[in-house]
């Protein structure tokens, strides 16, 4: 492992932990297979130098962002590989970014990316690598383009850019959007996995150019913001499949629920077919309580819709509300 406390741009005359960098090919940082480049600094953690995964037959190569300031790389990741799989492992207890392009090697070599351990790493480039992107722990933010498939088996994948391959979220993993939007293709939320469009902070939305499969024991977590009169949502250009046992969690992150009483809010809009499945305990046009609020859900006409109905002041009121909700709804009508 090579531990550094500072780094500079190519051609800089400022000395740093990697020496005074040259330009062009002489500025490339080569990481040998099974080696780690670890940043531990409190300043000067940014560089436009290219990082090269320096093995002809693939292997594992690690970048560790453990400084008190971010480890920001902009020069991209290349591979010397001509065969095999070059796996870039991102770890650390701080934050790191690579906003340059991460690419495959030549010949049959492909590059893959794995996020392990705590901390946050962000990928911001128009990446061309075609191997899998795997999140096992911590947070990986995709603000650019990822071409291959993604697997979330722990931690959180936050998408504000585009993932062209399929996305599979497994037990302990969460898929969230960044800054309100992200684009995906064919999403599978498996048992114990969570789809949380707003999980990246605030209200979030996804566009899915493919199918959305909410499999048994998966979780769809939706936020209302009654202050901003907004709701998490998904625009689905494909089929919606809700398996038996899939659950829906709803919360209000705002402070003014009366502002959206009886306003119907779409949480999924789908252009393809719906398999007829419903969330656990929530058949079409049913009413339910969540965190002291009453809601109605419907799955009609290409839209899954939630309506916030009323604030319940005490948990015990839920029984009387559900017993007389038909009367309540006979008076209150949803407004578009």
Protein backbone atom coordinates (compact mmCIF):
# COMPACT_ATOMS: atom_id res chain seq x y z
CA UNK A 1 0.00 0.00 0.00
CA UNK A 2 1.19 3.50 -0.86
CA UNK A 3 -0.21 6.12 1.54
CA UNK A 4 -0.09 9.76 0.45
CA UNK A 5 -1.07 12.99 2.21
CA UNK A 6 -1.13 15.19 -0.90
CA UNK A 7 -1.30 15.05 -4.68
CA UNK A 8 -1.04 17.61 -7.51
CA UNK A 9 -2.04 18.01 -11.14
CA UNK A 10 0.16 16.78 -13.97
CA UNK A 11 2.87 19.32 -14.71
CA UNK A 12 2.61 21.01 -11.33
CA UNK A 13 5.84 22.41 -9.91
CA UNK A 14 4.57 21.90 -6.38
CA UNK A 15 6.14 18.94 -4.63
CA UNK A 16 3.75 16.45 -3.04
CA UNK A 17 3.71 12.95 -1.60
CA UNK A 18 4.09 11.45 -5.10
CA UNK A 19 6.92 13.78 -6.03
CA UNK A 20 6.78 16.60 -8.55
CA UNK A 21 4.62 15.28 -11.41
CA UNK A 22 5.65 15.47 -15.02
CA UNK A 23 3.24 15.69 -17.96
CA UNK A 24 1.79 13.23 -20.45
CA UNK A 25 2.77 9.58 -20.08
CA UNK A 26 5.26 10.43 -17.35
CA UNK A 27 2.47 11.76 -15.13
CA UNK A 28 0.43 8.54 -15.10
CA UNK A 29 -0.01 6.88 -11.72
CA UNK A 30 0.41 3.11 -12.10
CA UNK A 31 -1.22 0.82 -9.57
CA UNK A 32 0.01 -2.77 -9.54
CA UNK A 33 -2.39 -5.66 -9.05
CA UNK A 34 -3.40 -6.15 -5.40
CA UNK A 35 -1.92 -2.72 -4.56
CA UNK A 36 -3.64 0.25 -2.87
CA UNK A 37 -3.23 4.00 -3.33
CA UNK A 38 -4.49 5.58 -0.09
CA UNK A 39 -5.10 9.30 0.41
CA UNK A 40 -4.95 10.44 4.04
CA UNK A 41 -4.43 14.18 3.70
CA UNK A 42 -6.11 17.27 5.08
CA UNK A 43 -5.44 19.39 1.95
CA UNK A 44 -4.25 19.13 -1.67
CA UNK A 45 -6.29 16.04 -2.44
CA UNK A 46 -7.19 16.86 -6.05
CA UNK A 47 -5.43 15.82 -9.26
CA UNK A 48 -6.01 15.51 -12.99
CA UNK A 49 -3.43 12.73 -13.32
CA UNK A 50 -4.48 9.51 -15.05
CA UNK A 51 -4.56 6.36 -12.93
CA UNK A 52 -3.63 3.17 -14.77
CA UNK A 53 -4.47 -0.36 -13.60
CA UNK A 54 -1.09 -1.83 -14.47
CA UNK A 55 -1.58 -5.51 -15.17
CA UNK A 56 -1.93 -7.20 -18.54
CA UNK A 57 -4.16 -9.98 -17.19
CA UNK A 58 -6.45 -8.03 -14.85
CA UNK A 59 -6.61 -8.29 -11.07
CA UNK A 60 -7.73 -6.03 -8.22
CA UNK A 61 -6.61 -2.42 -7.76
CA UNK A 62 -7.69 -0.25 -4.83
CA UNK A 63 -8.23 3.48 -4.30
CA UNK A 64 -8.70 4.47 -0.65
CA UNK A 65 -10.20 7.86 0.25
CA UNK A 66 -9.46 8.22 3.97
CA UNK A 67 -8.44 11.86 4.19
CA UNK A 68 -10.20 14.57 6.14
CA UNK A 69 -10.71 16.36 2.81
CA UNK A 70 -12.03 14.72 -0.39
CA UNK A 71 -9.79 12.72 -2.70
CA UNK A 72 -10.82 14.20 -6.05
CA UNK A 73 -9.50 12.62 -9.25
CA UNK A 74 -10.39 13.98 -12.68
CA UNK A 75 -7.95 12.29 -15.07
CA UNK A 76 -9.80 9.03 -15.53
CA UNK A 77 -8.90 5.36 -15.04
CA UNK A 78 -7.22 3.35 -17.81
CA UNK A 79 -6.22 -0.30 -17.88
CA UNK A 80 -3.07 -1.94 -19.21
CA UNK A 81 -5.00 -5.18 -19.44
CA UNK A 82 -5.32 -7.20 -22.62
CA UNK A 83 -7.29 -10.04 -21.04
CA UNK A 84 -9.15 -10.84 -17.83
CA UNK A 85 -11.07 -8.46 -15.58
CA UNK A 86 -9.47 -5.43 -13.94
CA UNK A 87 -11.47 -4.70 -10.78
CA UNK A 88 -11.20 -1.19 -9.38
CA UNK A 89 -12.05 -1.31 -5.67
CA UNK A 90 -13.13 1.92 -3.98
CA UNK A 91 -12.83 2.09 -0.19
CA UNK A 92 -12.07 4.53 2.64
CA UNK A 93 -13.78 6.31 5.51
CA UNK A 94 -13.81 9.67 3.75
CA UNK A 95 -15.07 10.75 0.34
CA UNK A 96 -13.59 10.37 -3.11
CA UNK A 97 -14.53 11.18 -6.69
CA UNK A 98 -13.40 10.15 -10.14
CA UNK A 99 -14.96 12.48 -12.67
CA UNK A 100 -12.86 11.31 -15.60
CA UNK A 101 -13.67 8.34 -17.82
CA UNK A 102 -13.15 4.82 -16.46
CA UNK A 103 -12.37 2.57 -19.44
CA UNK A 104 -11.75 -1.06 -20.37
CA UNK A 105 -8.31 -2.21 -21.42
CA UNK A 106 -7.59 -3.59 -24.86
CA UNK A 107 -8.24 -7.03 -26.33
CA UNK A 108 -10.67 -8.95 -24.15
CA UNK A 109 -9.90 -7.06 -20.94
CA UNK A 110 -12.81 -5.36 -19.19
CA UNK A 111 -12.87 -3.09 -16.16
CA UNK A 112 -15.32 -3.48 -13.28
CA UNK A 113 -15.91 -1.28 -10.23
CA UNK A 114 -16.63 -2.41 -6.66
CA UNK A 115 -17.52 -0.16 -3.72
CA UNK A 116 -16.54 -1.69 -0.37
CA UNK A 117 -16.39 -0.35 3.19
CA UNK A 118 -17.85 2.85 4.56
CA UNK A 119 -17.47 6.31 3.10
CA UNK A 120 -18.63 7.79 -0.19
CA UNK A 121 -17.26 7.55 -3.71
CA UNK A 122 -18.72 9.34 -6.74
CA UNK A 123 -18.31 8.54 -10.45
CA UNK A 124 -18.97 11.53 -12.67
CA UNK A 125 -17.55 10.75 -16.08
CA UNK A 126 -18.99 9.41 -19.33
CA UNK A 127 -17.63 5.99 -18.41
CA UNK A 128 -17.10 3.31 -21.03
CA UNK A 129 -16.11 0.31 -18.90
CA UNK A 130 -18.46 -2.63 -19.43
CA UNK A 131 -17.89 -4.77 -16.34
CA UNK A 132 -20.29 -4.88 -13.40
CA UNK A 133 -20.56 -2.07 -10.88
CA UNK A 134 -21.06 -3.60 -7.45
CA UNK A 135 -21.95 -1.85 -4.20
CA UNK A 136 -21.30 -3.90 -1.06
CA UNK A 137 -21.16 -1.13 1.56
CA UNK A 138 -21.07 2.64 1.96
CA UNK A 139 -22.39 4.91 -0.77
CA UNK A 140 -21.60 5.04 -4.47
CA UNK A 141 -22.93 8.05 -6.38
CA UNK A 142 -23.27 7.76 -10.16
CA UNK A 143 -23.48 11.26 -11.59
CA UNK A 144 -22.21 10.33 -15.03
CA UNK A 145 -22.74 7.27 -17.22
CA UNK A 146 -22.37 3.60 -16.32
CA UNK A 147 -22.70 1.21 -19.26
CA UNK A 148 -22.73 -2.21 -17.59
CA UNK A 149 -24.95 -3.86 -15.02
CA UNK A 150 -25.08 -2.76 -11.38
CA UNK A 151 -25.54 -4.94 -8.30
CA UNK A 152 -26.34 -3.44 -4.90
CA UNK A 153 -25.79 -6.04 -2.19
CA UNK A 154 -25.32 -3.61 0.69
CA UNK A 155 -24.97 0.13 1.16
CA UNK A 156 -26.57 2.65 -1.18
CA UNK A 157 -26.35 3.32 -4.90
CA UNK A 158 -27.33 6.94 -5.59
CA UNK A 159 -28.05 7.68 -9.24
CA UNK A 160 -28.19 11.16 -10.70
CA UNK A 161 -26.80 10.17 -14.07
CA UNK A 162 -27.54 7.21 -16.33
CA UNK A 163 -27.12 3.45 -15.93
CA UNK A 164 -27.58 1.66 -19.25
CA UNK A 165 -27.41 -1.90 -17.95
CA UNK A 166 -29.80 -3.60 -15.56
CA UNK A 167 -29.83 -2.74 -11.84
CA UNK A 168 -30.32 -5.45 -9.21
CA UNK A 169 -30.84 -4.50 -5.57
CA UNK A 170 -30.42 -7.32 -3.07
CA UNK A 171 -30.87 -7.74 0.69
CA UNK A 172 -29.48 -4.76 2.59
CA UNK A 173 -29.04 -2.61 -0.52
CA UNK A 174 -30.78 0.66 -1.36
CA UNK A 175 -31.30 2.37 -4.71
CA UNK A 176 -31.83 6.15 -4.47
CA UNK A 177 -31.79 9.14 -6.80
CA UNK A 178 -29.42 12.12 -6.62
CA UNK A 179 -30.55 15.73 -6.85
CA UNK A 180 -34.04 14.71 -7.83
CA UNK A 181 -33.47 12.53 -10.88
CA UNK A 182 -31.66 9.59 -12.41
CA UNK A 183 -32.14 7.34 -15.44
CA UNK A 184 -32.09 3.54 -15.26
CA UNK A 185 -32.80 0.52 -17.45
CA UNK A 186 -34.61 -2.57 -16.12
CA UNK A 187 -34.67 -2.45 -12.32
CA UNK A 188 -35.06 -5.50 -10.08
CA UNK A 189 -35.65 -4.91 -6.38
CA UNK A 190 -35.15 -8.30 -4.78
CA UNK A 191 -36.06 -9.67 -1.34
CA UNK A 192 -34.75 -7.33 1.36
CA UNK A 193 -33.73 -4.64 -1.14
CA UNK A 194 -35.09 -1.08 -1.03
CA UNK A 195 -36.12 1.32 -3.78
CA UNK A 196 -36.05 4.82 -2.31
CA UNK A 197 -36.15 7.58 -4.96
CA UNK A 198 -35.70 10.25 -2.29
CA UNK A 199 -33.06 8.35 -0.36
CA UNK A 200 -30.30 10.56 -1.74
CA UNK A 201 -31.78 13.57 0.07
CA UNK A 202 -35.15 15.29 -0.38
CA UNK A 203 -37.74 14.41 -3.00
CA UNK A 204 -36.37 12.26 -5.82
CA UNK A 205 -37.52 10.84 -9.14
CA UNK A 206 -36.33 8.11 -11.48
CA UNK A 207 -36.90 7.47 -15.16
CA UNK A 208 -36.75 3.75 -15.90
CA UNK A 209 -36.42 2.86 -19.59
CA UNK A 210 -37.42 -0.74 -19.14
CA UNK A 211 -39.28 -2.82 -16.57
CA UNK A 212 -39.56 -2.34 -12.81
CA UNK A 213 -39.79 -5.59 -10.86
CA UNK A 214 -40.66 -5.23 -7.17
CA UNK A 215 -40.10 -8.80 -6.06
CA UNK A 216 -41.38 -10.56 -2.94
CA UNK A 217 -40.24 -8.93 0.35
CA UNK A 218 -38.81 -5.93 -1.49
CA UNK A 219 -39.42 -2.43 -0.13
CA UNK A 220 -40.60 0.66 -2.01
CA UNK A 221 -40.00 3.68 0.23
CA UNK A 222 -41.85 6.86 -0.78
CA UNK A 223 -41.64 10.35 0.70
CA UNK A 224 -44.23 13.09 0.62
CA UNK A 225 -43.06 16.64 1.23
CA UNK A 226 -46.17 18.38 2.48
CA UNK A 227 -44.27 21.67 2.78
CA UNK A 228 -43.31 21.75 -0.90
CA UNK A 229 -46.38 19.77 -2.05
CA UNK A 230 -44.18 17.16 -3.76
CA UNK A 231 -43.73 13.39 -3.75
CA UNK A 232 -41.12 10.84 -4.83
CA UNK A 233 -41.96 9.27 -8.15
CA UNK A 234 -40.95 6.97 -10.98
CA UNK A 235 -41.62 7.40 -14.68
CA UNK A 236 -41.59 3.88 -16.06
CA UNK A 237 -41.26 3.33 -19.80
CA UNK A 238 -41.98 -0.35 -19.47
CA UNK A 239 -43.88 -2.88 -17.40
CA UNK A 240 -44.68 -2.69 -13.69
CA UNK A 241 -44.50 -6.01 -11.85
CA UNK A 242 -45.38 -6.09 -8.14
CA UNK A 243 -44.89 -9.52 -6.60
CA UNK A 244 -46.76 -10.89 -3.61
CA UNK A 245 -45.10 -9.68 -0.41
CA UNK A 246 -43.62 -6.47 -1.82
CA UNK A 247 -44.16 -3.67 0.70
CA UNK A 248 -44.77 0.06 0.50
CA UNK A 249 -43.47 2.48 3.15
CA UNK A 250 -44.69 6.08 3.13
CA UNK A 251 -43.44 9.04 5.15
CA UNK A 252 -43.99 12.81 5.18
CA UNK A 253 -40.75 14.80 5.32
CA UNK A 254 -42.65 18.11 5.31
CA UNK A 255 -44.36 20.02 8.08
CA UNK A 256 -47.64 21.10 6.52
CA UNK A 257 -49.71 18.02 5.64
CA UNK A 258 -52.94 20.02 5.44
CA UNK A 259 -51.55 21.67 2.29
CA UNK A 260 -51.88 18.41 0.33
CA UNK A 261 -54.98 16.82 1.84
CA UNK A 262 -56.83 14.90 -0.85
CA UNK A 263 -54.32 15.75 -3.57
CA UNK A 264 -53.61 12.68 -5.68
CA UNK A 265 -49.89 12.20 -6.27
CA UNK A 266 -48.50 9.65 -8.77
CA UNK A 267 -45.67 7.53 -7.35
CA UNK A 268 -45.32 5.34 -10.46
CA UNK A 269 -46.44 6.22 -13.98
CA UNK A 270 -46.04 3.27 -16.33
CA UNK A 271 -46.49 3.02 -20.10
CA UNK A 272 -46.38 -0.77 -20.33
CA UNK A 273 -48.44 -3.46 -18.64
CA UNK A 274 -49.15 -3.92 -14.95
CA UNK A 275 -49.11 -7.52 -13.72
CA UNK A 276 -52.05 -6.84 -11.39
CA UNK A 277 -49.95 -7.25 -8.25
CA UNK A 278 -50.43 -4.93 -5.28
CA UNK A 279 -48.33 -4.03 -2.26
CA UNK A 280 -48.75 -6.20 0.84
CA UNK A 281 -52.08 -5.43 2.50
CA UNK A 282 -52.84 -2.65 0.02
CA UNK A 283 -55.30 -3.73 -2.69
CA UNK A 284 -56.55 -1.27 -5.28
CA UNK A 285 -58.41 1.73 -3.82
CA UNK A 286 -57.60 0.76 -0.23
CA UNK A 287 -56.87 3.04 2.71
CA UNK A 288 -54.02 2.72 5.20
CA UNK A 289 -52.17 4.48 7.98
CA UNK A 290 -48.46 5.36 7.95
CA UNK A 291 -46.67 7.47 10.58
CA UNK A 292 -49.95 9.01 11.80
CA UNK A 293 -51.25 9.87 8.34
CA UNK A 294 -54.10 8.33 6.38
CA UNK A 295 -53.57 7.49 2.72
CA UNK A 296 -55.42 5.96 -0.19
CA UNK A 297 -53.69 3.98 -2.95
CA UNK A 298 -54.89 3.10 -6.43
CA UNK A 299 -53.25 1.34 -9.37
CA UNK A 300 -55.55 2.49 -12.16
CA UNK A 301 -54.92 3.57 -15.74
CA UNK A 302 -51.13 3.41 -15.95
CA UNK A 303 -50.59 5.23 -12.65
CA UNK A 304 -50.02 4.13 -9.07
CA UNK A 305 -51.45 7.00 -7.05
CA UNK A 306 -51.21 7.98 -3.39
CA UNK A 307 -53.52 10.44 -1.74
CA UNK A 308 -52.84 11.95 1.68
CA UNK A 309 -56.21 12.12 3.42
CA UNK A 310 -55.93 13.43 6.97
CA UNK A 311 -53.69 13.85 9.99
CA UNK A 312 -54.43 11.44 12.83
CA UNK A 313 -53.56 13.16 16.13
CA UNK A 314 -53.20 9.98 18.21
CA UNK A 315 -52.35 6.40 17.25
CA UNK A 316 -55.60 5.19 18.83
CA UNK A 317 -57.54 7.28 16.36
CA UNK A 318 -56.47 4.94 13.57
CA UNK A 319 -59.04 2.32 14.57
CA UNK A 320 -61.95 4.75 14.52
CA UNK A 321 -60.67 6.31 11.31
CA UNK A 322 -60.46 3.02 9.48
CA UNK A 323 -63.87 2.02 10.81
CA UNK A 324 -65.50 5.13 9.45
CA UNK A 325 -63.25 5.96 6.55
CA UNK A 326 -66.01 5.34 4.05
CA UNK A 327 -67.98 8.21 5.58
CA UNK A 328 -64.93 10.43 5.58
CA UNK A 329 -64.25 9.71 1.95
CA UNK A 330 -67.88 10.25 1.07
CA UNK A 331 -67.37 13.88 2.11
CA UNK A 332 -63.77 14.41 1.01
CA UNK A 333 -63.13 13.94 -2.69
CA UNK A 334 -59.73 13.87 -4.30
CA UNK A 335 -58.74 16.93 -6.21
CA UNK A 336 -56.46 16.69 -9.25
